[in-house]
């Protein structure tokens, strides 16, 4: 009958609304990707993470400043989202990749491999990781990324030490790759090779004393 709508077919206004919504979602995805790419470039080139402003990121991405806030709420939200993107590959390697980073390797291989990868991350993404650690009331311990790495390290140590000891020692090991410490040491002239060697020895020391006595 003319004028009646089939119950399984959207009327024209709904189709138009669906197409518009899909276009807006596609545009939103592209805008977000462009903002993250621009932020990665600016943080990668920055000496001081505080010099990277939201307005600079928006301009580099060809977007308005309001677009940045709509996607990330504030600068902390943008930094956290960017860290998620920049650490995605490492997280996948640790959770489901091949040894020694992935599951299955003995702890005396896997722990040093993870700590070395985290140190490389702090060295290669210096300004971004400093910005992350300064976010959340200035404490890296309030950032979700910290909880992820602490859980991984503590899990590795739980087969070596008592649970309470493993939890504390995981915090102590992660303190050795804090961005502010890495920044301080490199500003004093320490080279990447020296930092890696010291970290390797620290891991070996933690693993040398097992629950119930020394090896």
N, C-alpha and C. Protein backbone atom coordinates (compact mmCIF):
# COMPACT_ATOMS: atom_id res chain seq x y z
N UNK A 1 0.85 -1.19 0.00
CA UNK A 1 0.00 0.00 0.00
C UNK A 1 0.88 1.23 0.00
N UNK A 2 0.49 2.20 -0.84
CA UNK A 2 1.27 3.43 -0.89
C UNK A 2 1.20 4.14 0.45
N UNK A 3 2.34 4.67 0.86
CA UNK A 3 2.40 5.42 2.10
C UNK A 3 2.72 4.56 3.30
N UNK A 4 2.68 3.22 3.16
CA UNK A 4 3.03 2.36 4.29
C UNK A 4 4.49 1.96 4.19
N UNK A 5 5.12 1.73 5.31
CA UNK A 5 6.54 1.37 5.35
C UNK A 5 6.69 -0.09 5.71
N UNK A 6 7.55 -0.79 5.00
CA UNK A 6 7.84 -2.19 5.32
C UNK A 6 8.61 -2.22 6.64
N UNK A 7 8.24 -3.08 7.58
CA UNK A 7 8.88 -3.07 8.90
C UNK A 7 10.36 -3.42 8.84
N UNK A 8 10.83 -4.09 7.79
CA UNK A 8 12.24 -4.48 7.72
C UNK A 8 13.09 -3.51 6.90
N UNK A 9 12.48 -2.42 6.42
CA UNK A 9 13.22 -1.47 5.60
C UNK A 9 13.17 -0.10 6.27
N UNK A 10 14.34 0.50 6.51
CA UNK A 10 14.37 1.83 7.11
C UNK A 10 13.79 2.83 6.14
N UNK A 11 12.97 3.77 6.61
CA UNK A 11 12.53 4.86 5.75
C UNK A 11 13.71 5.73 5.38
N UNK A 12 13.55 6.53 4.34
CA UNK A 12 14.65 7.33 3.78
C UNK A 12 15.37 8.18 4.81
N UNK A 13 14.65 8.86 5.76
CA UNK A 13 15.37 9.69 6.72
C UNK A 13 16.33 8.87 7.58
N UNK A 14 15.93 7.63 7.94
CA UNK A 14 16.81 6.81 8.76
C UNK A 14 18.04 6.40 7.99
N UNK A 15 17.85 6.06 6.68
CA UNK A 15 19.03 5.71 5.88
C UNK A 15 19.98 6.88 5.81
N UNK A 16 19.44 8.06 5.59
CA UNK A 16 20.30 9.24 5.53
C UNK A 16 21.01 9.48 6.84
N UNK A 17 20.27 9.27 7.94
CA UNK A 17 20.89 9.45 9.26
C UNK A 17 21.97 8.44 9.52
N UNK A 18 21.74 7.18 9.07
CA UNK A 18 22.75 6.14 9.26
C UNK A 18 24.01 6.46 8.46
N UNK A 19 23.83 6.90 7.21
CA UNK A 19 24.98 7.25 6.38
C UNK A 19 25.76 8.40 7.00
N UNK A 20 25.04 9.41 7.49
CA UNK A 20 25.71 10.55 8.11
C UNK A 20 26.47 10.11 9.36
N UNK A 21 25.84 9.25 10.17
CA UNK A 21 26.50 8.78 11.40
C UNK A 21 27.76 8.00 11.07
N UNK A 22 27.67 7.15 10.03
CA UNK A 22 28.86 6.38 9.65
C UNK A 22 29.97 7.29 9.16
N UNK A 23 29.60 8.32 8.40
CA UNK A 23 30.61 9.26 7.91
C UNK A 23 31.26 10.00 9.07
N UNK A 24 30.42 10.39 10.06
CA UNK A 24 30.98 11.09 11.21
C UNK A 24 31.92 10.19 12.00
N UNK A 25 31.54 8.89 12.13
CA UNK A 25 32.42 7.97 12.85
C UNK A 25 33.74 7.80 12.10
N UNK A 26 33.67 7.66 10.78
CA UNK A 26 34.90 7.52 9.99
C UNK A 26 35.77 8.77 10.12
N UNK A 27 35.14 9.93 10.06
CA UNK A 27 35.89 11.18 10.23
C UNK A 27 36.51 11.26 11.62
N UNK A 28 35.77 10.80 12.62
CA UNK A 28 36.27 10.84 13.98
C UNK A 28 37.50 9.94 14.14
N UNK A 29 37.45 8.76 13.54
CA UNK A 29 38.59 7.85 13.60
C UNK A 29 39.81 8.47 12.92
N UNK A 30 39.60 9.09 11.76
CA UNK A 30 40.71 9.72 11.04
C UNK A 30 41.28 10.89 11.84
N UNK A 31 40.40 11.69 12.43
CA UNK A 31 40.86 12.84 13.21
C UNK A 31 41.69 12.38 14.41
N UNK A 32 41.21 11.35 15.08
CA UNK A 32 41.94 10.84 16.24
C UNK A 32 43.31 10.32 15.84
N UNK A 33 43.37 9.59 14.75
CA UNK A 33 44.65 9.06 14.26
C UNK A 33 45.59 10.19 13.88
N UNK A 34 45.06 11.23 13.24
CA UNK A 34 45.89 12.37 12.85
C UNK A 34 46.43 13.11 14.07
N UNK A 35 45.61 13.23 15.10
CA UNK A 35 46.05 13.91 16.33
C UNK A 35 47.14 13.10 17.03
N UNK A 36 46.96 11.80 17.10
CA UNK A 36 47.98 10.96 17.74
C UNK A 36 49.28 10.97 16.96
N UNK A 37 49.20 10.96 15.64
CA UNK A 37 50.40 11.01 14.81
C UNK A 37 51.12 12.34 15.00
N UNK A 38 50.36 13.43 15.05
CA UNK A 38 50.97 14.75 15.26
C UNK A 38 51.61 14.83 16.64
N UNK A 39 50.92 14.31 17.64
CA UNK A 39 51.47 14.33 19.00
C UNK A 39 52.75 13.50 19.08
N UNK A 40 52.77 12.35 18.40
CA UNK A 40 53.98 11.51 18.41
C UNK A 40 55.16 12.25 17.79
N UNK A 41 54.91 12.98 16.70
CA UNK A 41 55.99 13.74 16.06
C UNK A 41 56.51 14.83 16.98
N UNK A 42 55.61 15.55 17.62
CA UNK A 42 56.02 16.68 18.46
C UNK A 42 56.73 16.20 19.72
N UNK A 43 56.22 15.17 20.35
CA UNK A 43 56.91 14.65 21.54
C UNK A 43 58.25 14.04 21.15
N UNK A 44 58.31 13.40 19.99
CA UNK A 44 59.56 12.80 19.55
C UNK A 44 60.65 13.83 19.29
N UNK A 45 60.25 15.03 18.92
CA UNK A 45 61.22 16.09 18.63
C UNK A 45 61.50 16.99 19.82
N UNK A 46 60.74 16.83 20.90
CA UNK A 46 60.83 17.77 22.02
C UNK A 46 61.94 17.39 22.99
N UNK A 47 62.62 18.40 23.52
CA UNK A 47 63.54 18.19 24.63
C UNK A 47 62.81 18.28 25.96
N UNK A 48 61.83 19.16 26.02
CA UNK A 48 61.04 19.36 27.23
C UNK A 48 59.60 18.97 26.93
N UNK A 49 59.07 17.94 27.60
CA UNK A 49 57.70 17.51 27.30
C UNK A 49 56.66 18.59 27.57
N UNK A 50 56.96 19.49 28.51
CA UNK A 50 56.00 20.55 28.81
C UNK A 50 55.89 21.58 27.69
N UNK A 51 56.83 21.53 26.75
CA UNK A 51 56.78 22.47 25.63
C UNK A 51 55.76 22.06 24.58
N UNK A 52 55.27 20.82 24.65
CA UNK A 52 54.29 20.33 23.68
C UNK A 52 52.90 20.72 24.17
N UNK A 53 52.27 21.65 23.50
CA UNK A 53 50.97 22.18 23.90
C UNK A 53 49.86 21.57 23.05
N UNK A 54 48.67 21.58 23.60
CA UNK A 54 47.51 21.06 22.88
C UNK A 54 47.29 21.83 21.58
N UNK A 55 47.47 23.15 21.64
CA UNK A 55 47.27 23.97 20.44
C UNK A 55 48.27 23.60 19.36
N UNK A 56 49.52 23.27 19.75
CA UNK A 56 50.54 22.87 18.78
C UNK A 56 50.15 21.55 18.11
N UNK A 57 49.62 20.62 18.91
CA UNK A 57 49.21 19.33 18.36
C UNK A 57 48.06 19.50 17.39
N UNK A 58 47.09 20.32 17.77
CA UNK A 58 45.96 20.57 16.89
C UNK A 58 46.41 21.19 15.57
N UNK A 59 47.29 22.17 15.65
CA UNK A 59 47.77 22.83 14.43
C UNK A 59 48.53 21.84 13.55
N UNK A 60 49.38 21.01 14.15
CA UNK A 60 50.16 20.04 13.38
C UNK A 60 49.26 19.00 12.71
N UNK A 61 48.11 18.72 13.32
CA UNK A 61 47.19 17.74 12.76
C UNK A 61 46.17 18.37 11.81
N UNK A 62 46.23 19.71 11.68
CA UNK A 62 45.27 20.39 10.84
C UNK A 62 43.87 20.38 11.41
N UNK A 63 43.78 20.39 12.75
CA UNK A 63 42.48 20.35 13.42
C UNK A 63 42.35 21.53 14.37
N UNK A 64 41.15 21.75 14.84
CA UNK A 64 40.93 22.78 15.83
C UNK A 64 41.28 22.29 17.21
N UNK A 65 41.60 23.21 18.11
CA UNK A 65 41.97 22.82 19.47
C UNK A 65 40.81 22.10 20.15
N UNK A 66 39.59 22.51 19.84
CA UNK A 66 38.43 21.86 20.43
C UNK A 66 38.33 20.39 20.05
N UNK A 67 38.81 20.04 18.85
CA UNK A 67 38.78 18.65 18.42
C UNK A 67 39.66 17.78 19.31
N UNK A 68 40.79 18.33 19.74
CA UNK A 68 41.69 17.58 20.64
C UNK A 68 40.97 17.28 21.94
N UNK A 69 40.31 18.29 22.49
CA UNK A 69 39.63 18.10 23.77
C UNK A 69 38.44 17.15 23.63
N UNK A 70 37.76 17.17 22.50
CA UNK A 70 36.63 16.26 22.32
C UNK A 70 37.09 14.80 22.30
N UNK A 71 38.26 14.57 21.74
CA UNK A 71 38.76 13.19 21.65
C UNK A 71 39.43 12.73 22.94
N UNK A 72 40.13 13.62 23.64
CA UNK A 72 40.97 13.18 24.75
C UNK A 72 40.68 13.88 26.08
N UNK A 73 39.74 14.78 26.12
CA UNK A 73 39.33 15.49 27.33
C UNK A 73 40.36 16.52 27.80
N UNK A 74 41.61 16.09 27.93
CA UNK A 74 42.66 17.02 28.38
C UNK A 74 44.02 16.48 27.94
N UNK A 75 45.07 17.18 28.31
CA UNK A 75 46.41 16.81 27.88
C UNK A 75 46.81 15.43 28.45
N UNK A 76 46.42 15.17 29.69
CA UNK A 76 46.74 13.88 30.31
C UNK A 76 46.10 12.75 29.52
N UNK A 77 44.84 12.94 29.11
CA UNK A 77 44.16 11.92 28.32
C UNK A 77 44.85 11.67 27.00
N UNK A 78 45.33 12.72 26.37
CA UNK A 78 46.04 12.57 25.10
C UNK A 78 47.37 11.82 25.31
N UNK A 79 48.11 12.20 26.34
CA UNK A 79 49.39 11.54 26.61
C UNK A 79 49.18 10.06 26.88
N UNK A 80 48.18 9.73 27.67
CA UNK A 80 47.92 8.33 27.98
C UNK A 80 47.51 7.55 26.73
N UNK A 81 46.68 8.16 25.90
CA UNK A 81 46.27 7.49 24.66
C UNK A 81 47.47 7.26 23.75
N UNK A 82 48.37 8.23 23.69
CA UNK A 82 49.55 8.11 22.85
C UNK A 82 50.49 7.03 23.37
N UNK A 83 50.63 6.95 24.68
CA UNK A 83 51.48 5.91 25.26
C UNK A 83 50.90 4.52 24.94
N UNK A 84 49.58 4.39 24.99
CA UNK A 84 48.95 3.11 24.63
C UNK A 84 49.34 2.72 23.21
N UNK A 85 49.29 3.69 22.29
CA UNK A 85 49.64 3.41 20.90
C UNK A 85 51.13 3.07 20.76
N UNK A 86 51.97 3.83 21.44
CA UNK A 86 53.41 3.66 21.29
C UNK A 86 53.92 2.38 21.97
N UNK A 87 53.16 1.85 22.92
CA UNK A 87 53.61 0.65 23.63
C UNK A 87 52.83 -0.60 23.22
N UNK A 88 51.93 -0.44 22.24
CA UNK A 88 51.07 -1.57 21.85
C UNK A 88 51.90 -2.79 21.44
N UNK A 89 52.91 -2.58 20.62
CA UNK A 89 53.71 -3.71 20.13
C UNK A 89 54.43 -4.40 21.28
N UNK A 90 55.00 -3.62 22.19
CA UNK A 90 55.70 -4.23 23.32
C UNK A 90 54.74 -5.01 24.20
N UNK A 91 53.56 -4.46 24.45
CA UNK A 91 52.58 -5.16 25.28
C UNK A 91 52.17 -6.48 24.63
N UNK A 92 52.00 -6.47 23.32
CA UNK A 92 51.63 -7.71 22.63
C UNK A 92 52.76 -8.72 22.68
N UNK A 93 54.00 -8.26 22.56
CA UNK A 93 55.15 -9.17 22.63
C UNK A 93 55.23 -9.82 24.01
N UNK A 94 54.95 -9.04 25.05
CA UNK A 94 55.05 -9.55 26.42
C UNK A 94 53.92 -10.53 26.73
N UNK A 95 52.72 -10.23 26.28
CA UNK A 95 51.58 -11.06 26.66
C UNK A 95 51.37 -12.28 25.78
N UNK A 96 51.77 -12.19 24.49
CA UNK A 96 51.48 -13.32 23.60
C UNK A 96 52.55 -13.57 22.55
N UNK A 97 53.67 -12.88 22.66
CA UNK A 97 54.73 -13.05 21.67
C UNK A 97 55.66 -14.20 22.01
N UNK A 98 56.67 -14.41 21.17
CA UNK A 98 57.63 -15.50 21.41
C UNK A 98 58.60 -15.14 22.52
N UNK A 99 59.25 -16.14 23.13
CA UNK A 99 60.29 -15.87 24.12
C UNK A 99 61.46 -15.14 23.47
N UNK A 100 62.26 -14.38 24.21
CA UNK A 100 62.23 -14.32 25.67
C UNK A 100 61.24 -13.31 26.25
N UNK A 101 60.71 -12.38 25.45
CA UNK A 101 59.75 -11.43 26.00
C UNK A 101 58.42 -12.11 26.30
N UNK A 102 57.99 -13.00 25.42
CA UNK A 102 56.70 -13.64 25.58
C UNK A 102 56.73 -14.78 26.59
N UNK A 103 55.56 -15.31 26.92
CA UNK A 103 55.48 -16.42 27.88
C UNK A 103 56.28 -17.63 27.43
N UNK A 104 56.79 -18.36 28.41
CA UNK A 104 57.48 -19.61 28.11
C UNK A 104 58.96 -19.58 28.39
N UNK A 105 59.57 -18.40 28.39
CA UNK A 105 61.00 -18.32 28.66
C UNK A 105 61.24 -18.42 30.17
N UNK A 106 62.38 -18.98 30.59
CA UNK A 106 62.70 -18.99 32.03
C UNK A 106 62.86 -17.56 32.54
N UNK A 107 62.59 -17.37 33.81
CA UNK A 107 62.55 -16.02 34.37
C UNK A 107 63.89 -15.31 34.25
N UNK A 108 65.01 -16.06 34.31
CA UNK A 108 66.31 -15.40 34.23
C UNK A 108 66.62 -14.91 32.82
N UNK A 109 65.79 -15.27 31.84
CA UNK A 109 65.89 -14.72 30.49
C UNK A 109 64.80 -13.67 30.25
N UNK A 110 63.60 -14.00 30.74
CA UNK A 110 62.46 -13.14 30.43
C UNK A 110 62.50 -11.82 31.20
N UNK A 111 62.85 -11.86 32.48
CA UNK A 111 62.88 -10.63 33.26
C UNK A 111 63.88 -9.62 32.71
N UNK A 112 65.15 -10.00 32.46
CA UNK A 112 66.08 -9.03 31.88
C UNK A 112 65.62 -8.52 30.52
N UNK A 113 64.97 -9.38 29.73
CA UNK A 113 64.51 -8.95 28.41
C UNK A 113 63.43 -7.88 28.54
N UNK A 114 62.49 -8.06 29.47
CA UNK A 114 61.43 -7.06 29.66
C UNK A 114 62.01 -5.77 30.20
N UNK A 115 62.89 -5.85 31.19
CA UNK A 115 63.45 -4.64 31.77
C UNK A 115 64.27 -3.87 30.74
N UNK A 116 65.02 -4.60 29.90
CA UNK A 116 65.80 -3.94 28.84
C UNK A 116 64.87 -3.25 27.84
N UNK A 117 63.74 -3.90 27.52
CA UNK A 117 62.78 -3.30 26.59
C UNK A 117 62.16 -2.04 27.18
N UNK A 118 61.86 -2.07 28.48
CA UNK A 118 61.31 -0.88 29.14
C UNK A 118 62.33 0.25 29.18
N UNK A 119 63.59 -0.08 29.41
CA UNK A 119 64.62 0.95 29.40
C UNK A 119 64.75 1.56 28.01
N UNK A 120 64.74 0.73 26.97
CA UNK A 120 64.79 1.25 25.60
C UNK A 120 63.60 2.16 25.31
N UNK A 121 62.43 1.77 25.82
CA UNK A 121 61.24 2.60 25.64
C UNK A 121 61.44 3.97 26.27
N UNK A 122 61.98 4.00 27.48
CA UNK A 122 62.20 5.28 28.15
C UNK A 122 63.26 6.11 27.43
N UNK A 123 64.26 5.46 26.86
CA UNK A 123 65.31 6.19 26.14
C UNK A 123 64.81 6.71 24.79
N UNK A 124 64.03 5.89 24.10
CA UNK A 124 63.58 6.24 22.75
C UNK A 124 62.38 7.17 22.73
N UNK A 125 61.58 7.14 23.79
CA UNK A 125 60.39 7.98 23.90
C UNK A 125 60.53 8.90 25.11
N UNK A 126 61.68 9.54 25.21
CA UNK A 126 62.05 10.28 26.42
C UNK A 126 61.01 11.30 26.83
N UNK A 127 60.67 12.23 25.93
CA UNK A 127 59.76 13.31 26.30
C UNK A 127 58.36 12.77 26.60
N UNK A 128 57.89 11.82 25.81
CA UNK A 128 56.55 11.28 26.02
C UNK A 128 56.46 10.56 27.35
N UNK A 129 57.44 9.73 27.68
CA UNK A 129 57.38 8.97 28.92
C UNK A 129 57.54 9.87 30.13
N UNK A 130 58.33 10.93 29.98
CA UNK A 130 58.40 11.92 31.07
C UNK A 130 57.05 12.59 31.27
N UNK A 131 56.39 12.92 30.17
CA UNK A 131 55.07 13.55 30.26
C UNK A 131 54.08 12.62 30.96
N UNK A 132 54.16 11.33 30.68
CA UNK A 132 53.27 10.37 31.32
C UNK A 132 53.53 10.31 32.82
N UNK A 133 54.79 10.24 33.20
CA UNK A 133 55.11 10.12 34.62
C UNK A 133 54.75 11.39 35.39
N UNK A 134 54.75 12.52 34.71
CA UNK A 134 54.38 13.76 35.37
C UNK A 134 52.87 13.93 35.46
N UNK A 135 52.14 13.13 34.71
CA UNK A 135 50.68 13.19 34.75
C UNK A 135 50.18 12.44 35.98
N UNK A 136 48.92 12.64 36.33
CA UNK A 136 48.35 11.94 37.48
C UNK A 136 48.94 12.42 38.78
N UNK A 137 48.81 13.70 39.07
CA UNK A 137 49.31 14.31 40.31
C UNK A 137 50.82 14.16 40.44
N UNK A 138 51.51 14.04 39.30
CA UNK A 138 52.96 13.98 39.32
C UNK A 138 53.52 12.64 39.73
N UNK A 139 52.70 11.60 39.80
CA UNK A 139 53.18 10.29 40.24
C UNK A 139 52.97 9.24 39.16
N UNK A 140 54.04 8.55 38.75
CA UNK A 140 53.87 7.49 37.75
C UNK A 140 53.05 6.32 38.27
N UNK A 141 52.95 6.19 39.59
CA UNK A 141 52.24 5.06 40.18
C UNK A 141 50.73 5.18 40.02
N UNK A 142 50.25 6.36 39.62
CA UNK A 142 48.82 6.57 39.43
C UNK A 142 48.40 6.34 37.98
N UNK A 143 49.34 5.94 37.13
CA UNK A 143 49.03 5.72 35.72
C UNK A 143 48.77 4.24 35.46
N UNK A 144 47.74 3.93 34.66
CA UNK A 144 47.42 2.53 34.36
C UNK A 144 48.59 1.77 33.74
N UNK A 145 49.42 2.43 32.96
CA UNK A 145 50.56 1.76 32.33
C UNK A 145 51.49 1.17 33.39
N UNK A 146 51.63 1.87 34.51
CA UNK A 146 52.51 1.36 35.56
C UNK A 146 51.96 0.05 36.13
N UNK A 147 50.66 0.00 36.34
CA UNK A 147 50.05 -1.22 36.89
C UNK A 147 50.29 -2.41 35.98
N UNK A 148 50.24 -2.18 34.66
CA UNK A 148 50.46 -3.27 33.71
C UNK A 148 51.86 -3.85 33.87
N UNK A 149 52.88 -2.99 33.84
CA UNK A 149 54.25 -3.49 33.92
C UNK A 149 54.55 -4.08 35.29
N UNK A 150 54.00 -3.48 36.35
CA UNK A 150 54.22 -4.04 37.68
C UNK A 150 53.63 -5.44 37.79
N UNK A 151 52.44 -5.61 37.23
CA UNK A 151 51.82 -6.93 37.27
C UNK A 151 52.66 -7.96 36.53
N UNK A 152 53.21 -7.59 35.38
CA UNK A 152 54.04 -8.51 34.61
C UNK A 152 55.31 -8.88 35.37
N UNK A 153 56.00 -7.89 35.90
CA UNK A 153 57.26 -8.15 36.60
C UNK A 153 57.01 -8.95 37.88
N UNK A 154 55.99 -8.56 38.64
CA UNK A 154 55.68 -9.29 39.87
C UNK A 154 55.30 -10.74 39.55
N UNK A 155 54.57 -10.94 38.45
CA UNK A 155 54.22 -12.30 38.06
C UNK A 155 55.45 -13.14 37.75
N UNK A 156 56.43 -12.55 37.08
CA UNK A 156 57.66 -13.27 36.79
C UNK A 156 58.41 -13.63 38.07
N UNK A 157 58.41 -12.70 39.02
CA UNK A 157 59.16 -12.92 40.26
C UNK A 157 58.43 -13.83 41.24
N UNK A 158 57.14 -14.04 41.02
CA UNK A 158 56.37 -14.84 41.97
C UNK A 158 56.82 -16.29 42.02
N UNK A 159 57.48 -16.76 40.95
CA UNK A 159 58.01 -18.11 40.97
C UNK A 159 59.38 -18.19 41.61
N UNK A 160 59.92 -17.04 41.99
CA UNK A 160 61.26 -16.97 42.56
C UNK A 160 61.21 -16.56 44.02
N UNK A 161 60.30 -15.64 44.33
CA UNK A 161 60.19 -15.09 45.68
C UNK A 161 58.77 -15.26 46.20
N UNK A 162 58.63 -15.12 47.50
CA UNK A 162 57.30 -15.10 48.11
C UNK A 162 56.49 -13.95 47.51
N UNK A 163 55.16 -14.08 47.52
CA UNK A 163 54.31 -13.11 46.83
C UNK A 163 54.54 -11.69 47.31
N UNK A 164 54.65 -11.49 48.64
CA UNK A 164 54.85 -10.14 49.15
C UNK A 164 56.20 -9.58 48.70
N UNK A 165 57.22 -10.42 48.69
CA UNK A 165 58.54 -9.98 48.24
C UNK A 165 58.52 -9.67 46.75
N UNK A 166 57.85 -10.50 45.98
CA UNK A 166 57.79 -10.29 44.53
C UNK A 166 57.12 -8.96 44.21
N UNK A 167 56.08 -8.61 44.96
CA UNK A 167 55.38 -7.35 44.74
C UNK A 167 56.31 -6.17 45.00
N UNK A 168 57.03 -6.21 46.10
CA UNK A 168 57.95 -5.11 46.42
C UNK A 168 59.11 -5.04 45.43
N UNK A 169 59.70 -6.18 45.13
CA UNK A 169 60.85 -6.18 44.24
C UNK A 169 60.48 -5.71 42.83
N UNK A 170 59.26 -5.98 42.41
CA UNK A 170 58.80 -5.48 41.12
C UNK A 170 58.77 -3.95 41.12
N UNK A 171 58.29 -3.36 42.21
CA UNK A 171 58.33 -1.90 42.33
C UNK A 171 59.77 -1.38 42.28
N UNK A 172 60.67 -2.07 42.99
CA UNK A 172 62.07 -1.64 43.05
C UNK A 172 62.73 -1.71 41.67
N UNK A 173 62.46 -2.77 40.93
CA UNK A 173 63.03 -2.89 39.58
C UNK A 173 62.49 -1.82 38.65
N UNK A 174 61.21 -1.56 38.70
CA UNK A 174 60.62 -0.54 37.84
C UNK A 174 61.11 0.85 38.19
N UNK A 175 61.48 1.05 39.45
CA UNK A 175 62.04 2.35 39.83
C UNK A 175 63.36 2.61 39.11
N UNK A 176 64.06 1.53 38.75
CA UNK A 176 65.34 1.67 38.06
C UNK A 176 65.19 2.14 36.63
N UNK A 177 63.98 2.07 36.08
CA UNK A 177 63.76 2.56 34.72
C UNK A 177 62.75 3.71 34.69
N UNK A 178 62.58 4.36 35.83
CA UNK A 178 61.73 5.56 35.83
C UNK A 178 62.34 6.60 34.90
N UNK A 179 61.48 7.30 34.19
CA UNK A 179 61.96 8.27 33.21
C UNK A 179 62.75 9.40 33.85
N UNK A 180 62.35 9.82 35.06
CA UNK A 180 63.09 10.91 35.69
C UNK A 180 64.51 10.46 36.08
N UNK A 181 64.65 9.19 36.48
CA UNK A 181 65.99 8.68 36.79
C UNK A 181 66.82 8.54 35.51
N UNK A 182 66.22 7.97 34.47
CA UNK A 182 66.92 7.83 33.20
C UNK A 182 67.35 9.20 32.68
N UNK A 183 66.46 10.18 32.80
CA UNK A 183 66.78 11.54 32.36
C UNK A 183 67.94 12.11 33.16
N UNK A 184 67.92 11.90 34.47
CA UNK A 184 69.00 12.41 35.32
C UNK A 184 70.33 11.76 34.96
N UNK A 185 70.34 10.44 34.80
CA UNK A 185 71.60 9.74 34.51
C UNK A 185 72.17 10.12 33.15
N UNK A 186 71.31 10.20 32.15
CA UNK A 186 71.80 10.57 30.82
C UNK A 186 72.28 12.01 30.79
N UNK A 187 71.63 12.89 31.56
CA UNK A 187 72.08 14.28 31.61
C UNK A 187 73.44 14.40 32.30
N UNK A 188 73.78 13.39 33.13
CA UNK A 188 75.08 13.36 33.79
C UNK A 188 76.14 12.65 32.95
N UNK A 189 75.77 12.23 31.76
CA UNK A 189 76.74 11.64 30.84
C UNK A 189 76.67 10.14 30.69
N UNK A 190 75.76 9.48 31.40
CA UNK A 190 75.65 8.02 31.27
C UNK A 190 75.16 7.66 29.87
N UNK A 191 75.76 6.63 29.28
CA UNK A 191 75.35 6.17 27.96
C UNK A 191 74.39 5.00 28.09
N UNK A 192 73.67 4.74 27.01
CA UNK A 192 72.67 3.68 27.03
C UNK A 192 73.29 2.33 27.42
N UNK A 193 74.46 2.05 26.90
CA UNK A 193 75.11 0.78 27.22
C UNK A 193 75.39 0.63 28.71
N UNK A 194 75.79 1.72 29.36
CA UNK A 194 76.04 1.67 30.80
C UNK A 194 74.75 1.40 31.58
N UNK A 195 73.68 2.05 31.16
CA UNK A 195 72.41 1.84 31.84
C UNK A 195 71.93 0.40 31.68
N UNK A 196 72.09 -0.14 30.48
CA UNK A 196 71.66 -1.51 30.25
C UNK A 196 72.50 -2.50 31.06
N UNK A 197 73.79 -2.24 31.17
CA UNK A 197 74.65 -3.14 31.94
C UNK A 197 74.29 -3.10 33.42
N UNK A 198 74.06 -1.90 33.95
CA UNK A 198 73.66 -1.79 35.34
C UNK A 198 72.33 -2.47 35.60
N UNK A 199 71.40 -2.33 34.68
CA UNK A 199 70.09 -2.96 34.83
C UNK A 199 70.20 -4.47 34.77
N UNK A 200 71.06 -4.98 33.89
CA UNK A 200 71.26 -6.43 33.80
C UNK A 200 71.79 -6.97 35.12
N UNK A 201 72.74 -6.28 35.72
CA UNK A 201 73.30 -6.71 37.00
C UNK A 201 72.25 -6.64 38.11
N UNK A 202 71.40 -5.63 38.07
CA UNK A 202 70.35 -5.51 39.07
C UNK A 202 69.37 -6.67 38.97
N UNK A 203 68.98 -7.03 37.75
CA UNK A 203 68.09 -8.17 37.56
C UNK A 203 68.73 -9.45 38.08
N UNK A 204 70.01 -9.63 37.77
CA UNK A 204 70.72 -10.83 38.22
C UNK A 204 70.77 -10.90 39.74
N UNK A 205 70.94 -9.75 40.39
CA UNK A 205 70.99 -9.71 41.84
C UNK A 205 69.64 -10.08 42.45
N UNK A 206 68.57 -9.57 41.87
CA UNK A 206 67.23 -9.89 42.37
C UNK A 206 66.93 -11.37 42.21
N UNK A 207 67.40 -11.95 41.13
CA UNK A 207 67.12 -13.36 40.86
C UNK A 207 68.06 -14.30 41.62
N UNK A 208 69.16 -13.78 42.14
CA UNK A 208 70.17 -14.63 42.77
C UNK A 208 69.73 -15.11 44.15
N UNK A 209 68.80 -14.41 44.75
CA UNK A 209 68.36 -14.77 46.10
C UNK A 209 66.89 -15.20 46.03
N UNK A 210 66.68 -16.47 46.13
CA UNK A 210 65.35 -17.02 45.95
C UNK A 210 64.68 -17.26 47.30
N UNK A 211 63.38 -17.46 47.26
CA UNK A 211 62.64 -17.73 48.48
C UNK A 211 63.24 -18.97 49.17
N UNK A 212 63.56 -18.85 50.46
CA UNK A 212 64.12 -19.96 51.19
C UNK A 212 65.63 -19.97 51.18
N UNK A 213 66.28 -19.02 50.50
CA UNK A 213 67.73 -18.97 50.54
C UNK A 213 68.33 -18.70 49.20
N UNK A 214 69.65 -18.57 49.16
CA UNK A 214 70.36 -18.27 47.91
C UNK A 214 70.42 -19.51 47.05
N UNK A 215 70.70 -19.28 45.77
CA UNK A 215 70.86 -20.37 44.83
C UNK A 215 72.04 -21.26 45.21
